[in-house]
Amino acid sequence: MDISVVLGAFAGMLLGFYGIAKVMLLQASKDRDADRNERKEFISAVKDMAGASGRVADATVKSAIEAEQRNGHLGELISQGNENTTKILSTLDKSANIRSKESHGSGQLVKTKEDK
């Protein structure tokens, strides 16, 4: 074999590897650029979403304050209603206890002192 053939084959192999490496590096560069652009878009979207969430939180606080101002007196009315209901229920409970003390039971039939 002639040395020129061996050197030619070796040079061809080196050029082939160089070509393959160059293509791989170009593709990797394109992939990095695409990833970088996607990350920039994602960060921008997250910032927009955070801004929108902040506006929603501010609006929620504002509406809660307005509702408290509008409905503050309703809390007082509900509290008074609860107190009145408690008084009525305790009165009913006392009268029910009095009636049950005056009643005498026999099986399913209940007879009071008035029935005797």
Foldseek 3Di string as FASTA:
>chain_A
DDPVVVVVVVVVVVVVVVVVVVVVVVVVVVVVVVVVVVVVVVVVVVVVVVVVVVVVVVVVVVVVVVCCVVCVVVVVVVVVVVVVVVVVVVVVVVVVVVQVVQWDDDPPDIDGPVND
